[in-house]
């Protein structure tokens, strides 16, 4: 087992196609960076996950088909975004906070967990085709999504702006701060909507639009980090958990220039997504209530350094971000 305190995302990207543990110098460097974050985790595919217990009340709410199957099929993404989800040393097993939350939900429901790695953009189709029962992959609750999916909330949605330490950007706290900058984001995300709204606000106020008039798009955070290091980008906006993790482990290369709620100007939550009409959300919410109460929810968030994003209690279909016109 490879025990590391943290996994810098560039190190993850760089090890693609190489055998883990073959470069002692690289391992020592990763461990040194890890100490800055103060976390101690394993990057082995054999995860010693926090485990919960069965909750009879939650199990009683399970749809009959899933209860009889005895397996909870959960889709997650693993695009290199530690500590949310990223690939283990075998470069195929998804690990991270989201997979640990999936394990807790399955435990409370008395089900075996079956994880499937999907591209983040494919999660709606995975649910609609009923290939999976649930998606646990940093999905934000929105009113538009609630038309097709049910949600069981478990974490606050916090975004961040990451920049290179060699760049000229000091801080990003309001739309005016991105005027004229080369900015990147993930396509189809709520942060994309916020970035576009900030850009439009700047144009209406007579400020410069972002460079090129529109964002650059990156599927993987690791690619955006390389662009920041090369000076091709000024800033990238994404889930703050991943960005803070990166900046803390590689402070000589990156820093977080500002944060904002993922529902700007409102407040948004991250939730387990299930198909509307499948009647699974009440059981998932009850399972989350159980792991909130027994303390394993807090243990998972602390394991990945996300305790600041904890919510007081889970809800089924909490208020979501409003539809955009």
C-alpha atoms as a PDB file:
ATOM      1  CA  UNK A   1       0.000   0.000   0.000  1.00  0.00           C
ATOM      2  CA  UNK A   2       1.247   3.459  -0.861  1.00  0.00           C
ATOM      3  CA  UNK A   3       0.569   5.732   2.099  1.00  0.00           C
ATOM      4  CA  UNK A   4       0.819   9.422   1.285  1.00  0.00           C
ATOM      5  CA  UNK A   5      -0.466  12.482   3.068  1.00  0.00           C
ATOM      6  CA  UNK A   6      -1.541  14.213  -0.095  1.00  0.00           C
ATOM      7  CA  UNK A   7      -1.490  13.774  -3.860  1.00  0.00           C
ATOM      8  CA  UNK A   8      -0.564  16.867  -5.883  1.00  0.00           C
ATOM      9  CA  UNK A   9      -2.645  16.854  -9.035  1.00  0.00           C
ATOM     10  CA  UNK A  10       0.303  17.482 -11.309  1.00  0.00           C
ATOM     11  CA  UNK A  11       1.995  14.445  -9.821  1.00  0.00           C
ATOM     12  CA  UNK A  12      -1.103  12.426 -10.605  1.00  0.00           C
ATOM     13  CA  UNK A  13      -1.096  13.640 -14.173  1.00  0.00           C
ATOM     14  CA  UNK A  14       2.591  13.028 -14.587  1.00  0.00           C
ATOM     15  CA  UNK A  15       2.421   9.410 -13.449  1.00  0.00           C
ATOM     16  CA  UNK A  16       0.024   8.372 -16.220  1.00  0.00           C
ATOM     17  CA  UNK A  17       1.496   5.401 -18.020  1.00  0.00           C
ATOM     18  CA  UNK A  18       4.171   4.865 -15.372  1.00  0.00           C
ATOM     19  CA  UNK A  19       4.247   2.324 -12.586  1.00  0.00           C
ATOM     20  CA  UNK A  20       3.513   3.812  -9.178  1.00  0.00           C
ATOM     21  CA  UNK A  21       6.365   3.658  -6.696  1.00  0.00           C
ATOM     22  CA  UNK A  22       9.184   3.214  -9.214  1.00  0.00           C
ATOM     23  CA  UNK A  23      10.689   6.643  -8.576  1.00  0.00           C
ATOM     24  CA  UNK A  24      11.750   7.000  -4.939  1.00  0.00           C
ATOM     25  CA  UNK A  25      12.730  10.639  -5.437  1.00  0.00           C
ATOM     26  CA  UNK A  26       9.283  11.500  -6.796  1.00  0.00           C
ATOM     27  CA  UNK A  27       7.643   9.681  -3.896  1.00  0.00           C
ATOM     28  CA  UNK A  28       9.775  11.606  -1.383  1.00  0.00           C
ATOM     29  CA  UNK A  29       8.872  14.883  -3.101  1.00  0.00           C
ATOM     30  CA  UNK A  30       5.171  14.031  -2.975  1.00  0.00           C
ATOM     31  CA  UNK A  31       5.412  13.168   0.719  1.00  0.00           C
ATOM     32  CA  UNK A  32       7.157  16.478   1.437  1.00  0.00           C
ATOM     33  CA  UNK A  33       4.409  18.409  -0.301  1.00  0.00           C
ATOM     34  CA  UNK A  34       1.860  16.322   1.549  1.00  0.00           C
ATOM     35  CA  UNK A  35       2.987  17.604   4.919  1.00  0.00           C
ATOM     36  CA  UNK A  36       1.833  21.105   3.956  1.00  0.00           C
ATOM     37  CA  UNK A  37      -1.758  19.884   3.695  1.00  0.00           C
ATOM     38  CA  UNK A  38      -1.735  17.910   6.914  1.00  0.00           C
ATOM     39  CA  UNK A  39      -3.706  14.949   5.573  1.00  0.00           C
ATOM     40  CA  UNK A  40      -2.672  11.325   5.626  1.00  0.00           C
ATOM     41  CA  UNK A  41      -4.357   9.195   3.001  1.00  0.00           C
ATOM     42  CA  UNK A  42      -3.664   6.153   0.905  1.00  0.00           C
ATOM     43  CA  UNK A  43      -3.478   6.265  -2.863  1.00  0.00           C
ATOM     44  CA  UNK A  44      -3.763   2.494  -3.148  1.00  0.00           C
ATOM     45  CA  UNK A  45      -6.854   1.088  -4.895  1.00  0.00           C
ATOM     46  CA  UNK A  46      -7.386  -0.934  -1.698  1.00  0.00           C
ATOM     47  CA  UNK A  47      -8.896   1.879   0.339  1.00  0.00           C
ATOM     48  CA  UNK A  48      -9.347   1.562   4.087  1.00  0.00           C
ATOM     49  CA  UNK A  49     -12.595   3.497   3.903  1.00  0.00           C
ATOM     50  CA  UNK A  50     -14.584   4.781   6.862  1.00  0.00           C
ATOM     51  CA  UNK A  51     -17.525   2.396   7.273  1.00  0.00           C
ATOM     52  CA  UNK A  52     -20.979   2.845   8.765  1.00  0.00           C
ATOM     53  CA  UNK A  53     -23.669   0.404   9.913  1.00  0.00           C
ATOM     54  CA  UNK A  54     -27.024  -0.657   8.517  1.00  0.00           C
ATOM     55  CA  UNK A  55     -29.995   1.573   9.281  1.00  0.00           C
ATOM     56  CA  UNK A  56     -33.309  -0.346   9.326  1.00  0.00           C
ATOM     57  CA  UNK A  57     -35.368   2.816   8.749  1.00  0.00           C
ATOM     58  CA  UNK A  58     -33.403   3.691   5.621  1.00  0.00           C
ATOM     59  CA  UNK A  59     -33.490   0.108   4.360  1.00  0.00           C
ATOM     60  CA  UNK A  60     -37.283   0.041   4.748  1.00  0.00           C
ATOM     61  CA  UNK A  61     -37.513   2.924   2.252  1.00  0.00           C
ATOM     62  CA  UNK A  62     -35.570   1.142  -0.504  1.00  0.00           C
ATOM     63  CA  UNK A  63     -37.376   0.366  -3.761  1.00  0.00           C
ATOM     64  CA  UNK A  64     -38.037  -3.391  -3.900  1.00  0.00           C
ATOM     65  CA  UNK A  65     -35.925  -3.977  -7.014  1.00  0.00           C
ATOM     66  CA  UNK A  66     -32.786  -2.486  -5.453  1.00  0.00           C
ATOM     67  CA  UNK A  67     -33.368  -4.221  -2.116  1.00  0.00           C
ATOM     68  CA  UNK A  68     -33.703  -7.578  -3.878  1.00  0.00           C
ATOM     69  CA  UNK A  69     -30.615  -6.955  -6.004  1.00  0.00           C
ATOM     70  CA  UNK A  70     -28.562  -6.139  -2.911  1.00  0.00           C
ATOM     71  CA  UNK A  71     -26.284  -3.788  -4.840  1.00  0.00           C
ATOM     72  CA  UNK A  72     -26.185   0.000  -5.075  1.00  0.00           C
ATOM     73  CA  UNK A  73     -24.807   1.102  -8.444  1.00  0.00           C
ATOM     74  CA  UNK A  74     -23.166   4.532  -8.148  1.00  0.00           C
ATOM     75  CA  UNK A  75     -21.513   6.566 -10.894  1.00  0.00           C
ATOM     76  CA  UNK A  76     -18.685   8.957 -10.099  1.00  0.00           C
ATOM     77  CA  UNK A  77     -16.087  10.795 -12.141  1.00  0.00           C
ATOM     78  CA  UNK A  78     -12.339  10.644 -11.688  1.00  0.00           C
ATOM     79  CA  UNK A  79     -10.768  13.393 -13.756  1.00  0.00           C
ATOM     80  CA  UNK A  80      -7.872  14.010 -11.401  1.00  0.00           C
ATOM     81  CA  UNK A  81      -9.760  16.304  -9.038  1.00  0.00           C
ATOM     82  CA  UNK A  82      -8.433  15.267  -5.629  1.00  0.00           C
ATOM     83  CA  UNK A  83      -9.735  15.223  -2.959  1.00  0.00           C
ATOM     84  CA  UNK A  84     -13.221  14.811  -4.470  1.00  0.00           C
ATOM     85  CA  UNK A  85     -12.563  11.940  -6.881  1.00  0.00           C
ATOM     86  CA  UNK A  86      -9.332  10.910  -8.538  1.00  0.00           C
ATOM     87  CA  UNK A  87      -7.588   7.753  -9.684  1.00  0.00           C
ATOM     88  CA  UNK A  88      -5.614   5.480  -7.376  1.00  0.00           C
ATOM     89  CA  UNK A  89      -2.161   4.120  -8.146  1.00  0.00           C
ATOM     90  CA  UNK A  90      -3.622   1.529 -10.508  1.00  0.00           C
ATOM     91  CA  UNK A  91      -4.896   4.438 -12.666  1.00  0.00           C
ATOM     92  CA  UNK A  92      -8.400   2.941 -12.892  1.00  0.00           C
ATOM     93  CA  UNK A  93      -9.903   2.857  -9.381  1.00  0.00           C
ATOM     94  CA  UNK A  94     -11.785   5.978  -8.296  1.00  0.00           C
ATOM     95  CA  UNK A  95     -10.985   7.164  -4.771  1.00  0.00           C
ATOM     96  CA  UNK A  96     -11.700  10.316  -2.789  1.00  0.00           C
ATOM     97  CA  UNK A  97     -14.375  12.010  -0.729  1.00  0.00           C
ATOM     98  CA  UNK A  98     -17.208  11.221  -3.135  1.00  0.00           C
ATOM     99  CA  UNK A  99     -16.431   7.499  -3.253  1.00  0.00           C
ATOM    100  CA  UNK A 100     -16.237   7.425   0.548  1.00  0.00           C
ATOM    101  CA  UNK A 101     -19.657   9.085   0.790  1.00  0.00           C
ATOM    102  CA  UNK A 102     -20.990   6.467  -1.631  1.00  0.00           C
ATOM    103  CA  UNK A 103     -19.644   3.732   0.651  1.00  0.00           C
ATOM    104  CA  UNK A 104     -21.369   5.239   3.684  1.00  0.00           C
ATOM    105  CA  UNK A 105     -24.704   5.427   1.854  1.00  0.00           C
ATOM    106  CA  UNK A 106     -24.407   1.818   0.709  1.00  0.00           C
ATOM    107  CA  UNK A 107     -23.480   0.707   4.238  1.00  0.00           C
ATOM    108  CA  UNK A 108     -26.488   2.408   5.792  1.00  0.00           C
ATOM    109  CA  UNK A 109     -28.754   0.849   3.154  1.00  0.00           C
ATOM    110  CA  UNK A 110     -27.303  -2.604   3.738  1.00  0.00           C
ATOM    111  CA  UNK A 111     -26.166  -2.837   0.115  1.00  0.00           C
ATOM    112  CA  UNK A 112     -22.964  -3.769  -1.645  1.00  0.00           C
ATOM    113  CA  UNK A 113     -21.403  -0.746  -3.368  1.00  0.00           C
ATOM    114  CA  UNK A 114     -20.689  -0.987  -7.089  1.00  0.00           C
ATOM    115  CA  UNK A 115     -18.796   2.072  -8.327  1.00  0.00           C
ATOM    116  CA  UNK A 116     -18.676   2.998 -11.987  1.00  0.00           C
ATOM    117  CA  UNK A 117     -16.320   5.653 -13.319  1.00  0.00           C
ATOM    118  CA  UNK A 118     -18.006   7.931 -15.863  1.00  0.00           C
ATOM    119  CA  UNK A 119     -17.090  11.253 -17.428  1.00  0.00           C
ATOM    120  CA  UNK A 120     -18.748  13.993 -15.412  1.00  0.00           C
ATOM    121  CA  UNK A 121     -20.768  15.183 -18.416  1.00  0.00           C
ATOM    122  CA  UNK A 122     -22.258  11.694 -18.815  1.00  0.00           C
ATOM    123  CA  UNK A 123     -23.944  11.420 -15.425  1.00  0.00           C
ATOM    124  CA  UNK A 124     -27.423  12.528 -16.619  1.00  0.00           C
ATOM    125  CA  UNK A 125     -27.484   9.820 -19.294  1.00  0.00           C
ATOM    126  CA  UNK A 126     -26.249   7.223 -16.807  1.00  0.00           C
ATOM    127  CA  UNK A 127     -29.268   7.925 -14.602  1.00  0.00           C
ATOM    128  CA  UNK A 128     -31.796   8.272 -17.411  1.00  0.00           C
ATOM    129  CA  UNK A 129     -30.719   4.962 -18.948  1.00  0.00           C
ATOM    130  CA  UNK A 130     -30.882   3.410 -15.463  1.00  0.00           C
ATOM    131  CA  UNK A 131     -27.359   2.055 -15.866  1.00  0.00           C
ATOM    132  CA  UNK A 132     -26.763   3.333 -12.329  1.00  0.00           C
ATOM    133  CA  UNK A 133     -28.981   4.021  -9.338  1.00  0.00           C
ATOM    134  CA  UNK A 134     -27.255   7.167  -8.142  1.00  0.00           C
ATOM    135  CA  UNK A 135     -24.566   9.690  -9.014  1.00  0.00           C
ATOM    136  CA  UNK A 136     -22.185  10.972  -6.348  1.00  0.00           C
ATOM    137  CA  UNK A 137     -19.848  13.305  -8.187  1.00  0.00           C
ATOM    138  CA  UNK A 138     -19.981  16.879  -6.848  1.00  0.00           C
ATOM    139  CA  UNK A 139     -23.390  17.496  -8.449  1.00  0.00           C
ATOM    140  CA  UNK A 140     -25.033  20.811  -7.534  1.00  0.00           C
ATOM    141  CA  UNK A 141     -28.773  20.985  -6.881  1.00  0.00           C
ATOM    142  CA  UNK A 142     -30.587  23.179  -9.410  1.00  0.00           C
ATOM    143  CA  UNK A 143     -34.270  23.721 -10.072  1.00  0.00           C
ATOM    144  CA  UNK A 144     -33.778  22.734 -13.699  1.00  0.00           C
ATOM    145  CA  UNK A 145     -32.129  19.449 -12.749  1.00  0.00           C
ATOM    146  CA  UNK A 146     -34.897  18.748 -10.236  1.00  0.00           C
ATOM    147  CA  UNK A 147     -37.308  18.371 -13.138  1.00  0.00           C
ATOM    148  CA  UNK A 148     -35.580  15.094 -14.053  1.00  0.00           C
ATOM    149  CA  UNK A 149     -33.707  14.060 -10.911  1.00  0.00           C
ATOM    150  CA  UNK A 150     -34.132  13.877  -7.155  1.00  0.00           C
ATOM    151  CA  UNK A 151     -31.420  15.023  -4.768  1.00  0.00           C
ATOM    152  CA  UNK A 152     -30.186  14.169  -1.287  1.00  0.00           C
ATOM    153  CA  UNK A 153     -27.847  16.917  -0.069  1.00  0.00           C
ATOM    154  CA  UNK A 154     -24.607  16.250   1.830  1.00  0.00           C
ATOM    155  CA  UNK A 155     -22.176  19.156   1.312  1.00  0.00           C
ATOM    156  CA  UNK A 156     -22.002  22.876   0.612  1.00  0.00           C
ATOM    157  CA  UNK A 157     -20.934  23.905  -2.883  1.00  0.00           C
ATOM    158  CA  UNK A 158     -17.829  26.073  -2.647  1.00  0.00           C
ATOM    159  CA  UNK A 159     -15.900  27.338  -5.669  1.00  0.00           C
ATOM    160  CA  UNK A 160     -12.445  28.844  -5.925  1.00  0.00           C
ATOM    161  CA  UNK A 161     -10.194  30.730  -8.320  1.00  0.00           C
ATOM    162  CA  UNK A 162      -6.728  29.225  -8.716  1.00  0.00           C
ATOM    163  CA  UNK A 163      -3.839  31.176 -10.248  1.00  0.00           C
ATOM    164  CA  UNK A 164      -0.145  30.635 -10.803  1.00  0.00           C
ATOM    165  CA  UNK A 165       2.233  32.113  -8.283  1.00  0.00           C
ATOM    166  CA  UNK A 166       4.228  33.681 -11.121  1.00  0.00           C
ATOM    167  CA  UNK A 167       1.170  35.473 -12.509  1.00  0.00           C
ATOM    168  CA  UNK A 168      -0.007  39.037 -11.971  1.00  0.00           C
ATOM    169  CA  UNK A 169      -3.428  38.245 -10.465  1.00  0.00           C
ATOM    170  CA  UNK A 170      -3.590  39.256  -6.810  1.00  0.00           C
ATOM    171  CA  UNK A 171      -7.167  38.395  -5.856  1.00  0.00           C
ATOM    172  CA  UNK A 172     -10.511  37.546  -7.451  1.00  0.00           C
ATOM    173  CA  UNK A 173     -13.500  38.465  -5.329  1.00  0.00           C
ATOM    174  CA  UNK A 174     -15.824  40.248  -7.765  1.00  0.00           C
ATOM    175  CA  UNK A 175     -16.564  40.357 -11.515  1.00  0.00           C
ATOM    176  CA  UNK A 176     -14.294  43.338 -12.161  1.00  0.00           C
ATOM    177  CA  UNK A 177     -11.308  41.245 -11.050  1.00  0.00           C
ATOM    178  CA  UNK A 178     -11.537  38.972 -14.115  1.00  0.00           C
ATOM    179  CA  UNK A 179     -11.859  41.738 -16.720  1.00  0.00           C
ATOM    180  CA  UNK A 180      -9.321  41.107 -19.474  1.00  0.00           C
ATOM    181  CA  UNK A 181      -7.997  37.881 -17.964  1.00  0.00           C
ATOM    182  CA  UNK A 182      -7.503  34.554 -19.707  1.00  0.00           C
ATOM    183  CA  UNK A 183      -9.888  32.390 -17.700  1.00  0.00           C
ATOM    184  CA  UNK A 184     -10.775  28.701 -17.962  1.00  0.00           C
ATOM    185  CA  UNK A 185     -13.607  26.549 -16.599  1.00  0.00           C
ATOM    186  CA  UNK A 186     -15.223  23.147 -17.036  1.00  0.00           C
ATOM    187  CA  UNK A 187     -17.995  22.997 -19.636  1.00  0.00           C
ATOM    188  CA  UNK A 188     -21.576  22.412 -18.499  1.00  0.00           C
ATOM    189  CA  UNK A 189     -20.858  23.312 -14.881  1.00  0.00           C
ATOM    190  CA  UNK A 190     -22.421  25.864 -12.558  1.00  0.00           C
ATOM    191  CA  UNK A 191     -19.094  27.639 -12.373  1.00  0.00           C
ATOM    192  CA  UNK A 192     -19.319  28.137 -16.130  1.00  0.00           C
ATOM    193  CA  UNK A 193     -22.681  29.882 -15.646  1.00  0.00           C
ATOM    194  CA  UNK A 194     -21.190  32.108 -12.961  1.00  0.00           C
ATOM    195  CA  UNK A 195     -18.163  32.951 -15.087  1.00  0.00           C
ATOM    196  CA  UNK A 196     -20.357  33.862 -18.048  1.00  0.00           C
ATOM    197  CA  UNK A 197     -22.590  35.983 -15.787  1.00  0.00           C
ATOM    198  CA  UNK A 198     -19.564  37.831 -14.387  1.00  0.00           C
ATOM    199  CA  UNK A 199     -18.258  38.425 -17.879  1.00  0.00           C
ATOM    200  CA  UNK A 200     -21.618  39.779 -19.053  1.00  0.00           C
ATOM    201  CA  UNK A 201     -21.810  42.081 -16.040  1.00  0.00           C
ATOM    202  CA  UNK A 202     -18.384  43.495 -16.866  1.00  0.00           C
ATOM    203  CA  UNK A 203     -19.389  44.123 -20.491  1.00  0.00           C
ATOM    204  CA  UNK A 204     -22.560  45.910 -19.381  1.00  0.00           C
ATOM    205  CA  UNK A 205     -20.458  48.144 -17.105  1.00  0.00           C
ATOM    206  CA  UNK A 206     -18.053  48.998 -19.906  1.00  0.00           C
ATOM    207  CA  UNK A 207     -15.212  46.878 -18.562  1.00  0.00           C
ATOM    208  CA  UNK A 208     -13.062  44.585 -20.674  1.00  0.00           C
ATOM    209  CA  UNK A 209     -14.485  41.129 -21.343  1.00  0.00           C
ATOM    210  CA  UNK A 210     -12.381  38.113 -20.491  1.00  0.00           C
ATOM    211  CA  UNK A 211      -9.575  37.587 -23.002  1.00  0.00           C
ATOM    212  CA  UNK A 212     -10.880  36.234 -26.281  1.00  0.00           C
ATOM    213  CA  UNK A 213     -14.440  37.110 -25.319  1.00  0.00           C
ATOM    214  CA  UNK A 214     -15.182  33.649 -23.916  1.00  0.00           C
ATOM    215  CA  UNK A 215     -13.631  31.141 -21.495  1.00  0.00           C
ATOM    216  CA  UNK A 216     -11.253  28.375 -22.369  1.00  0.00           C
ATOM    217  CA  UNK A 217     -12.587  24.931 -21.493  1.00  0.00           C
ATOM    218  CA  UNK A 218     -10.766  22.053 -19.834  1.00  0.00           C
ATOM    219  CA  UNK A 219     -12.180  18.617 -19.079  1.00  0.00           C
ATOM    220  CA  UNK A 220      -9.459  17.839 -16.532  1.00  0.00           C
ATOM    221  CA  UNK A 221      -8.076  20.092 -13.826  1.00  0.00           C
ATOM    222  CA  UNK A 222      -4.568  18.750 -14.440  1.00  0.00           C
ATOM    223  CA  UNK A 223      -4.628  20.207 -17.965  1.00  0.00           C
ATOM    224  CA  UNK A 224      -5.725  23.592 -16.632  1.00  0.00           C
ATOM    225  CA  UNK A 225      -2.898  23.541 -14.098  1.00  0.00           C
ATOM    226  CA  UNK A 226      -0.360  22.953 -16.821  1.00  0.00           C
ATOM    227  CA  UNK A 227      -1.820  25.892 -18.764  1.00  0.00           C
ATOM    228  CA  UNK A 228      -1.516  28.091 -15.659  1.00  0.00           C
ATOM    229  CA  UNK A 229       2.102  27.096 -15.188  1.00  0.00           C
ATOM    230  CA  UNK A 230       2.941  27.871 -18.809  1.00  0.00           C
ATOM    231  CA  UNK A 231       1.288  31.294 -18.592  1.00  0.00           C
ATOM    232  CA  UNK A 232      -1.375  30.398 -21.161  1.00  0.00           C
ATOM    233  CA  UNK A 233      -4.044  31.003 -18.510  1.00  0.00           C
ATOM    234  CA  UNK A 234      -4.430  33.638 -15.810  1.00  0.00           C
ATOM    235  CA  UNK A 235      -7.029  31.830 -13.708  1.00  0.00           C
ATOM    236  CA  UNK A 236      -9.208  28.747 -13.492  1.00  0.00           C
ATOM    237  CA  UNK A 237     -12.490  28.524 -11.578  1.00  0.00           C
ATOM    238  CA  UNK A 238     -13.659  25.198 -10.156  1.00  0.00           C
ATOM    239  CA  UNK A 239     -14.564  23.308  -6.974  1.00  0.00           C
ATOM    240  CA  UNK A 240     -12.592  24.902  -4.170  1.00  0.00           C
ATOM    241  CA  UNK A 241     -11.904  21.554  -2.501  1.00  0.00           C
ATOM    242  CA  UNK A 242      -9.710  20.491  -5.398  1.00  0.00           C
ATOM    243  CA  UNK A 243      -8.108  23.896  -5.878  1.00  0.00           C
ATOM    244  CA  UNK A 244      -7.255  24.399  -2.204  1.00  0.00           C
ATOM    245  CA  UNK A 245      -5.838  20.865  -2.131  1.00  0.00           C
ATOM    246  CA  UNK A 246      -3.641  21.680  -5.115  1.00  0.00           C
ATOM    247  CA  UNK A 247      -2.449  25.043  -3.795  1.00  0.00           C
ATOM    248  CA  UNK A 248      -1.618  23.631  -0.359  1.00  0.00           C
ATOM    249  CA  UNK A 249       0.389  20.757  -1.812  1.00  0.00           C
ATOM    250  CA  UNK A 250       2.182  22.887  -4.432  1.00  0.00           C
ATOM    251  CA  UNK A 251       2.412  26.385  -2.871  1.00  0.00           C
ATOM    252  CA  UNK A 252       5.412  27.249  -5.007  1.00  0.00           C
ATOM    253  CA  UNK A 253       3.282  26.878  -8.146  1.00  0.00           C
ATOM    254  CA  UNK A 254      -0.315  27.764  -7.282  1.00  0.00           C
ATOM    255  CA  UNK A 255      -2.506  29.718  -4.898  1.00  0.00           C
ATOM    256  CA  UNK A 256      -6.228  30.281  -4.454  1.00  0.00           C
ATOM    257  CA  UNK A 257      -6.980  33.918  -5.264  1.00  0.00           C
ATOM    258  CA  UNK A 258     -10.550  33.904  -3.985  1.00  0.00           C
ATOM    259  CA  UNK A 259     -13.607  31.800  -3.205  1.00  0.00           C
ATOM    260  CA  UNK A 260     -17.364  32.049  -3.694  1.00  0.00           C
ATOM    261  CA  UNK A 261     -20.399  29.866  -3.177  1.00  0.00           C
ATOM    262  CA  UNK A 262     -21.285  27.688  -6.136  1.00  0.00           C
ATOM    263  CA  UNK A 263     -24.747  29.235  -6.181  1.00  0.00           C
ATOM    264  CA  UNK A 264     -23.532  32.820  -6.495  1.00  0.00           C
ATOM    265  CA  UNK A 265     -25.247  35.109  -5.694  1.00  0.00           C
ATOM    266  CA  UNK A 266     -27.297  32.466  -3.838  1.00  0.00           C
ATOM    267  CA  UNK A 267     -26.216  29.428  -1.815  1.00  0.00           C
ATOM    268  CA  UNK A 268     -25.942  26.005  -3.437  1.00  0.00           C
ATOM    269  CA  UNK A 269     -25.547  22.469  -2.105  1.00  0.00           C
ATOM    270  CA  UNK A 270     -23.925  19.311  -3.421  1.00  0.00           C
ATOM    271  CA  UNK A 271     -26.142  16.223  -3.427  1.00  0.00           C
ATOM    272  CA  UNK A 272     -26.570  12.589  -4.389  1.00  0.00           C
ATOM    273  CA  UNK A 273     -28.555  12.536  -7.643  1.00  0.00           C
ATOM    274  CA  UNK A 274     -31.144   9.841  -8.377  1.00  0.00           C
ATOM    275  CA  UNK A 275     -33.689   9.477 -11.170  1.00  0.00           C
ATOM    276  CA  UNK A 276     -37.005  11.200 -10.521  1.00  0.00           C
ATOM    277  CA  UNK A 277     -39.708   8.562 -10.262  1.00  0.00           C
ATOM    278  CA  UNK A 278     -37.280   5.892  -9.055  1.00  0.00           C
ATOM    279  CA  UNK A 279     -38.308   6.631  -5.424  1.00  0.00           C
ATOM    280  CA  UNK A 280     -34.756   6.131  -4.193  1.00  0.00           C
ATOM    281  CA  UNK A 281     -34.092   9.622  -2.803  1.00  0.00           C
ATOM    282  CA  UNK A 282     -35.995   9.141   0.501  1.00  0.00           C
ATOM    283  CA  UNK A 283     -33.889   6.065   1.281  1.00  0.00           C
ATOM    284  CA  UNK A 284     -30.650   7.865   0.364  1.00  0.00           C
ATOM    285  CA  UNK A 285     -31.551  10.864   2.519  1.00  0.00           C
ATOM    286  CA  UNK A 286     -32.402   8.559   5.438  1.00  0.00           C
ATOM    287  CA  UNK A 287     -29.060   6.799   4.939  1.00  0.00           C
ATOM    288  CA  UNK A 288     -27.271  10.151   5.024  1.00  0.00           C
ATOM    289  CA  UNK A 289     -29.147  11.108   8.197  1.00  0.00           C
ATOM    290  CA  UNK A 290     -27.836   7.910   9.771  1.00  0.00           C
ATOM    291  CA  UNK A 291     -24.191   8.598   8.869  1.00  0.00           C
ATOM    292  CA  UNK A 292     -24.532  12.210   9.995  1.00  0.00           C
ATOM    293  CA  UNK A 293     -25.744  10.966  13.375  1.00  0.00           C
ATOM    294  CA  UNK A 294     -23.157   8.201  13.873  1.00  0.00           C
ATOM    295  CA  UNK A 295     -20.247  10.533  13.046  1.00  0.00           C
ATOM    296  CA  UNK A 296     -18.908   8.694  10.018  1.00  0.00           C
ATOM    297  CA  UNK A 297     -19.943  11.574   7.731  1.00  0.00           C
ATOM    298  CA  UNK A 298     -17.712  13.933   9.718  1.00  0.00           C
ATOM    299  CA  UNK A 299     -14.880  11.386   9.696  1.00  0.00           C
ATOM    300  CA  UNK A 300     -14.963  11.191   5.895  1.00  0.00           C
ATOM    301  CA  UNK A 301     -14.931  14.961   5.439  1.00  0.00           C
ATOM    302  CA  UNK A 302     -12.062  15.283   7.914  1.00  0.00           C
ATOM    303  CA  UNK A 303     -10.157  12.542   6.107  1.00  0.00           C
ATOM    304  CA  UNK A 304     -10.175  14.623   2.930  1.00  0.00           C
ATOM    305  CA  UNK A 305      -9.924  18.073   4.549  1.00  0.00           C
ATOM    306  CA  UNK A 306     -13.477  19.106   3.629  1.00  0.00           C
ATOM    307  CA  UNK A 307     -14.957  19.685   7.075  1.00  0.00           C
ATOM    308  CA  UNK A 308     -15.520  23.363   6.272  1.00  0.00           C
ATOM    309  CA  UNK A 309     -18.007  22.297   3.574  1.00  0.00           C
ATOM    310  CA  UNK A 310     -20.156  20.231   5.958  1.00  0.00           C
ATOM    311  CA  UNK A 311     -23.897  20.902   6.222  1.00  0.00           C
ATOM    312  CA  UNK A 312     -26.026  20.510   9.348  1.00  0.00           C
ATOM    313  CA  UNK A 313     -28.374  17.886   7.940  1.00  0.00           C
ATOM    314  CA  UNK A 314     -29.249  16.257   4.611  1.00  0.00           C
ATOM    315  CA  UNK A 315     -32.471  17.103   2.800  1.00  0.00           C
ATOM    316  CA  UNK A 316     -34.418  15.563  -0.041  1.00  0.00           C
ATOM    317  CA  UNK A 317     -34.725  18.063  -2.888  1.00  0.00           C
ATOM    318  CA  UNK A 318     -33.598  21.194  -1.028  1.00  0.00           C
ATOM    319  CA  UNK A 319     -34.026  24.548  -2.782  1.00  0.00           C
ATOM    320  CA  UNK A 320     -31.886  24.521  -5.906  1.00  0.00           C
ATOM    321  CA  UNK A 321     -30.317  27.193  -8.007  1.00  0.00           C
ATOM    322  CA  UNK A 322     -33.007  28.960 -10.072  1.00  0.00           C
ATOM    323  CA  UNK A 323     -33.361  28.448 -13.782  1.00  0.00           C
ATOM    324  CA  UNK A 324     -31.525  30.898 -15.955  1.00  0.00           C
ATOM    325  CA  UNK A 325     -33.514  32.779 -18.573  1.00  0.00           C
END
